[in-house]
Protein backbone atom coordinates (compact mmCIF):
# COMPACT_ATOMS: atom_id res chain seq x y z
CA MET A 1 -64.96 45.37 -53.89
CA ARG A 2 -64.23 42.22 -55.47
CA ALA A 3 -66.38 38.97 -54.96
CA VAL A 4 -65.19 36.13 -52.56
CA CYS A 5 -66.54 32.66 -53.52
CA VAL A 6 -65.41 30.00 -50.77
CA ASP A 7 -67.07 26.63 -50.63
CA LYS A 8 -68.77 26.05 -47.34
CA LEU A 9 -67.46 29.18 -45.98
CA LEU A 10 -69.59 31.89 -44.44
CA VAL A 11 -68.03 34.96 -45.95
CA LEU A 12 -69.48 38.59 -46.09
CA SER A 13 -68.77 39.75 -49.71
CA LEU A 14 -70.51 42.29 -51.74
CA GLY A 15 -70.21 40.45 -54.74
CA LEU A 16 -71.95 37.03 -53.39
CA ALA A 17 -75.34 38.26 -54.76
CA MET A 18 -73.79 38.41 -58.25
CA GLY A 19 -72.58 35.15 -59.20
CA CYS A 20 -70.98 33.35 -56.55
CA GLY A 21 -72.13 30.02 -55.75
CA ALA A 22 -73.46 29.48 -52.23
CA GLU A 23 -74.40 26.18 -50.31
CA GLY A 24 -77.28 25.98 -48.88
CA GLY A 25 -77.82 25.74 -45.07
CA GLY A 26 -80.87 24.98 -43.02
CA SER A 27 -81.72 22.15 -40.39
CA GLY A 28 -79.82 19.43 -42.23
CA ALA A 29 -76.43 21.36 -41.97
CA ARG A 30 -77.07 22.37 -38.57
CA GLN A 31 -77.88 18.88 -37.46
CA ALA A 32 -74.79 17.52 -38.64
CA GLY A 33 -72.58 19.94 -36.54
CA ALA A 34 -74.83 18.97 -33.47
CA GLY A 35 -74.27 15.11 -33.73
CA SER A 36 -70.16 15.93 -32.67
CA SER A 37 -69.08 15.96 -29.16
CA VAL A 38 -67.53 18.38 -27.09
CA VAL A 39 -64.00 19.41 -27.80
CA GLN A 40 -61.52 20.35 -25.85
CA ALA A 41 -60.22 23.33 -27.18
CA ASP A 42 -56.87 25.08 -26.91
CA GLY A 43 -56.36 26.80 -23.56
CA GLY A 44 -58.57 23.80 -21.95
CA ARG A 45 -61.92 25.71 -22.75
CA ARG A 46 -64.31 22.82 -23.67
CA ILE A 47 -66.81 23.66 -26.53
CA PRO A 48 -69.71 21.88 -27.18
CA PRO A 49 -71.45 21.53 -30.37
CA PRO A 50 -74.29 23.68 -31.52
CA SER A 51 -77.74 23.03 -29.89
CA LEU A 52 -80.51 21.59 -31.65
CA THR A 53 -82.97 23.58 -29.67
CA PRO A 54 -80.65 26.62 -28.46
CA GLU A 55 -81.39 28.51 -25.43
CA ARG A 56 -83.77 31.75 -26.19
CA SER A 57 -81.91 34.83 -25.55
CA PRO A 58 -83.32 37.47 -23.43
CA ASP A 59 -85.41 40.09 -25.49
CA SER A 60 -82.46 42.47 -24.56
CA TYR A 61 -79.07 41.98 -23.47
CA ARG A 62 -75.37 43.17 -23.46
CA VAL A 63 -72.26 41.43 -24.35
CA ARG A 64 -68.95 42.64 -23.05
CA PHE A 65 -65.88 41.78 -25.42
CA VAL A 66 -62.25 42.42 -24.16
CA THR A 67 -60.06 42.65 -26.92
CA THR A 68 -56.32 43.11 -27.15
CA LYS A 69 -56.95 47.01 -27.99
CA GLY A 70 -59.43 47.25 -25.36
CA PRO A 71 -63.11 46.74 -24.40
CA PHE A 72 -66.36 47.51 -26.32
CA VAL A 73 -70.09 46.58 -25.36
CA VAL A 74 -72.75 45.39 -27.90
CA GLN A 75 -76.45 46.01 -26.93
CA VAL A 76 -78.69 43.08 -28.66
CA LYS A 77 -82.37 43.42 -29.28
CA ARG A 78 -83.84 40.14 -29.94
CA SER A 79 -86.79 41.45 -32.00
CA LEU A 80 -84.55 42.62 -34.52
CA ALA A 81 -83.09 39.08 -35.52
CA PRO A 82 -84.26 36.38 -33.28
CA ARG A 83 -82.49 33.41 -34.77
CA GLY A 84 -79.28 35.60 -34.88
CA ALA A 85 -79.60 36.85 -31.27
CA ASP A 86 -80.09 33.44 -29.94
CA ARG A 87 -77.16 31.99 -31.95
CA PHE A 88 -74.93 35.20 -30.91
CA TYR A 89 -76.02 34.33 -26.83
CA GLU A 90 -75.39 30.67 -27.17
CA LEU A 91 -71.81 31.11 -28.61
CA VAL A 92 -71.05 33.97 -25.83
CA ARG A 93 -72.30 31.48 -23.35
CA ILE A 94 -69.98 28.73 -24.15
CA GLY A 95 -66.98 30.73 -24.49
CA TYR A 96 -66.31 30.48 -28.40
CA PHE A 97 -65.13 33.88 -29.04
CA THR A 98 -61.77 33.32 -26.59
CA ASP A 99 -58.88 33.93 -28.90
CA VAL A 100 -60.79 34.50 -31.89
CA ARG A 101 -58.99 36.70 -34.15
CA PHE A 102 -60.53 39.87 -36.09
CA PHE A 103 -59.28 38.38 -39.70
CA ARG A 104 -61.03 40.84 -41.79
CA LEU A 105 -60.79 44.75 -41.44
CA VAL A 106 -61.79 47.00 -44.25
CA PRO A 107 -61.80 50.90 -42.92
CA ASN A 108 -65.27 52.48 -43.22
CA PHE A 109 -66.80 49.05 -44.01
CA VAL A 110 -66.56 46.37 -41.80
CA VAL A 111 -64.50 44.45 -38.99
CA GLN A 112 -65.16 40.55 -39.34
CA PHE A 113 -64.35 37.72 -36.66
CA GLY A 114 -65.90 34.51 -35.64
CA ILE A 115 -63.60 31.73 -37.03
CA HIS A 116 -62.46 29.44 -34.09
CA GLY A 117 -58.67 29.28 -33.29
CA ASP A 118 -58.95 25.21 -33.20
CA PRO A 119 -60.02 23.69 -36.36
CA ALA A 120 -61.80 20.73 -34.48
CA VAL A 121 -63.99 23.45 -33.24
CA ASN A 122 -64.58 24.78 -36.68
CA ALA A 123 -65.53 21.28 -37.67
CA MET A 124 -68.40 21.41 -35.45
CA TRP A 125 -69.80 24.75 -36.00
CA ASP A 126 -68.91 25.73 -39.37
CA THR A 127 -71.75 24.05 -41.15
CA ALA A 128 -74.17 24.50 -38.32
CA ALA A 129 -76.26 26.96 -40.52
CA MET A 130 -79.16 28.84 -39.41
CA PRO A 131 -82.26 30.15 -41.39
CA ASP A 132 -82.26 33.74 -42.29
CA ASP A 133 -83.87 36.54 -40.15
CA PRO A 134 -85.91 38.92 -42.30
CA ILE A 135 -83.97 42.40 -42.11
CA ARG A 136 -85.78 44.87 -39.46
CA SER A 137 -82.70 47.10 -38.84
CA SER A 138 -80.47 48.92 -41.33
CA ASN A 139 -76.82 47.98 -41.51
CA ALA A 140 -75.74 51.21 -39.80
CA ASP A 141 -72.37 52.26 -38.47
CA GLY A 142 -71.84 50.16 -35.53
CA THR A 143 -74.44 47.91 -35.90
CA ILE A 144 -73.63 43.78 -35.77
CA ALA A 145 -74.92 40.99 -37.92
CA PHE A 146 -73.65 37.61 -39.18
CA ALA A 147 -71.98 36.87 -42.30
CA ALA A 148 -73.31 34.78 -45.00
CA SER A 149 -72.57 33.53 -48.66
CA GLY A 150 -76.19 32.90 -49.56
CA ALA A 151 -79.64 31.96 -48.26
CA ASN A 152 -79.70 30.30 -44.75
CA THR A 153 -75.75 29.91 -44.26
CA ARG A 154 -75.57 32.08 -41.09
CA ALA A 155 -73.19 30.19 -38.46
CA THR A 156 -70.51 31.99 -36.55
CA GLN A 157 -68.94 34.48 -38.37
CA LEU A 158 -70.08 38.14 -37.68
CA PHE A 159 -69.30 41.61 -39.00
CA ILE A 160 -69.21 45.05 -37.16
CA ASN A 161 -70.25 48.05 -39.41
CA THR A 162 -67.54 50.63 -39.27
CA GLY A 163 -69.56 52.71 -41.97
CA ASN A 164 -73.09 53.38 -42.98
CA ASN A 165 -73.62 50.14 -45.30
CA ALA A 166 -77.45 50.24 -45.77
CA ARG A 167 -77.00 51.01 -49.69
CA LYS A 168 -74.51 48.35 -49.87
CA LEU A 169 -75.94 45.44 -47.78
CA ASP A 170 -79.59 45.97 -46.79
CA GLY A 171 -80.81 45.17 -50.33
CA GLN A 172 -79.09 41.66 -50.27
CA LYS A 173 -81.70 40.61 -47.65
CA ARG A 174 -79.18 38.47 -46.10
CA PHE A 175 -77.50 40.74 -43.52
CA SER A 176 -79.69 41.02 -40.45
CA PRO A 177 -78.46 43.43 -37.64
CA PHE A 178 -79.21 42.29 -34.45
CA GLY A 179 -77.68 44.62 -31.98
CA THR A 180 -75.35 48.12 -32.01
CA VAL A 181 -72.00 48.54 -30.30
CA VAL A 182 -73.02 51.07 -27.65
CA GLU A 183 -69.95 51.39 -25.93
CA GLY A 184 -66.22 51.38 -27.22
CA MET A 185 -66.72 52.02 -31.04
CA VAL A 186 -63.50 53.79 -31.04
CA VAL A 187 -61.72 50.42 -29.89
CA VAL A 188 -63.31 48.47 -33.16
CA ARG A 189 -62.01 51.40 -35.10
CA ALA A 190 -58.55 50.99 -33.67
CA LEU A 191 -58.22 47.30 -34.31
CA ASN A 192 -55.31 46.39 -36.58
CA ALA A 193 -56.38 46.75 -40.22
CA GLU A 194 -52.79 46.19 -41.80
CA TYR A 195 -53.80 43.02 -43.42
CA GLY A 196 -56.80 44.15 -44.68
CA GLU A 197 -58.74 41.11 -46.76
CA GLU A 198 -55.41 39.41 -47.10
CA PRO A 199 -56.06 36.59 -44.34
CA ASN A 200 -57.58 33.42 -46.41
CA PRO A 201 -60.56 32.49 -44.54
CA ALA A 202 -60.89 28.80 -45.62
CA LYS A 203 -57.31 28.50 -44.26
CA ALA A 204 -58.46 29.80 -40.95
CA VAL A 205 -61.34 27.51 -40.98
CA ARG A 206 -59.04 24.41 -41.58
CA GLN A 207 -55.96 25.73 -39.46
CA GLY A 208 -57.39 27.94 -37.05
CA ASN A 209 -55.16 30.48 -34.97
CA ARG A 210 -51.99 28.11 -36.10
CA TYR A 211 -52.60 29.75 -39.68
CA LEU A 212 -53.60 33.29 -38.41
CA THR A 213 -50.91 33.80 -35.81
CA ARG A 214 -48.04 32.48 -38.12
CA TRP A 215 -48.55 34.70 -41.22
CA PHE A 216 -50.33 37.59 -39.68
CA PRO A 217 -49.19 37.91 -36.17
CA ALA A 218 -50.45 41.50 -35.53
CA LEU A 219 -53.95 40.88 -35.80
CA ASP A 220 -55.68 41.83 -32.97
CA TYR A 221 -58.30 39.34 -30.93
CA ILE A 222 -61.00 38.78 -28.39
CA LYS A 223 -59.70 38.00 -24.73
CA SER A 224 -63.02 37.39 -23.44
CA ALA A 225 -66.79 37.77 -24.47
CA THR A 226 -69.25 37.82 -21.50
CA VAL A 227 -73.01 38.45 -20.88
CA GLU A 228 -73.26 41.75 -18.93
């Protein structure tokens, strides 16, 4: 699998640990996003900037995704990756994932999503990097984790493992699963993978769904994501 180097973009790539440059994250990047104002996203949704002191998520919670292919449910266990679980909880609670496309699908590897459809929202959130979590659970089939391009670069992009990726990902000590798809994994596997890795994440961040729907109209997307 080829490496993908994209400046200031959180992208999961097996080659990143072998020579691609990574922009550091941490509190400085996060504060830069947090200073922005609420954005009136497409469809009238008001998306706030990342919180400097995010709400602590429950020790265990479930998130129900409704997609164009059907529903699936993620069971989160905060102890596995507390920062990741808290960020995921924050994103779900503010309605961030509505109309978000599954833009990278590699069968038997990953399904990746998390770039917002509105570029103004991406401008707030894409640089809101959080510190890494130690890996306490393997990247097994059905687990979910945040994508990263280097140390402390996780922000909004996530991936669901659609194969057992322990040997590929665990050793990089960067991809920390915080939950598992407990219902609807058949839906995740059925998401449209015809475009593979063709969508350009950098363009998607800059142009949002305007780019993705024009050039990749058959991508599946999230209709809603709610804490059960």
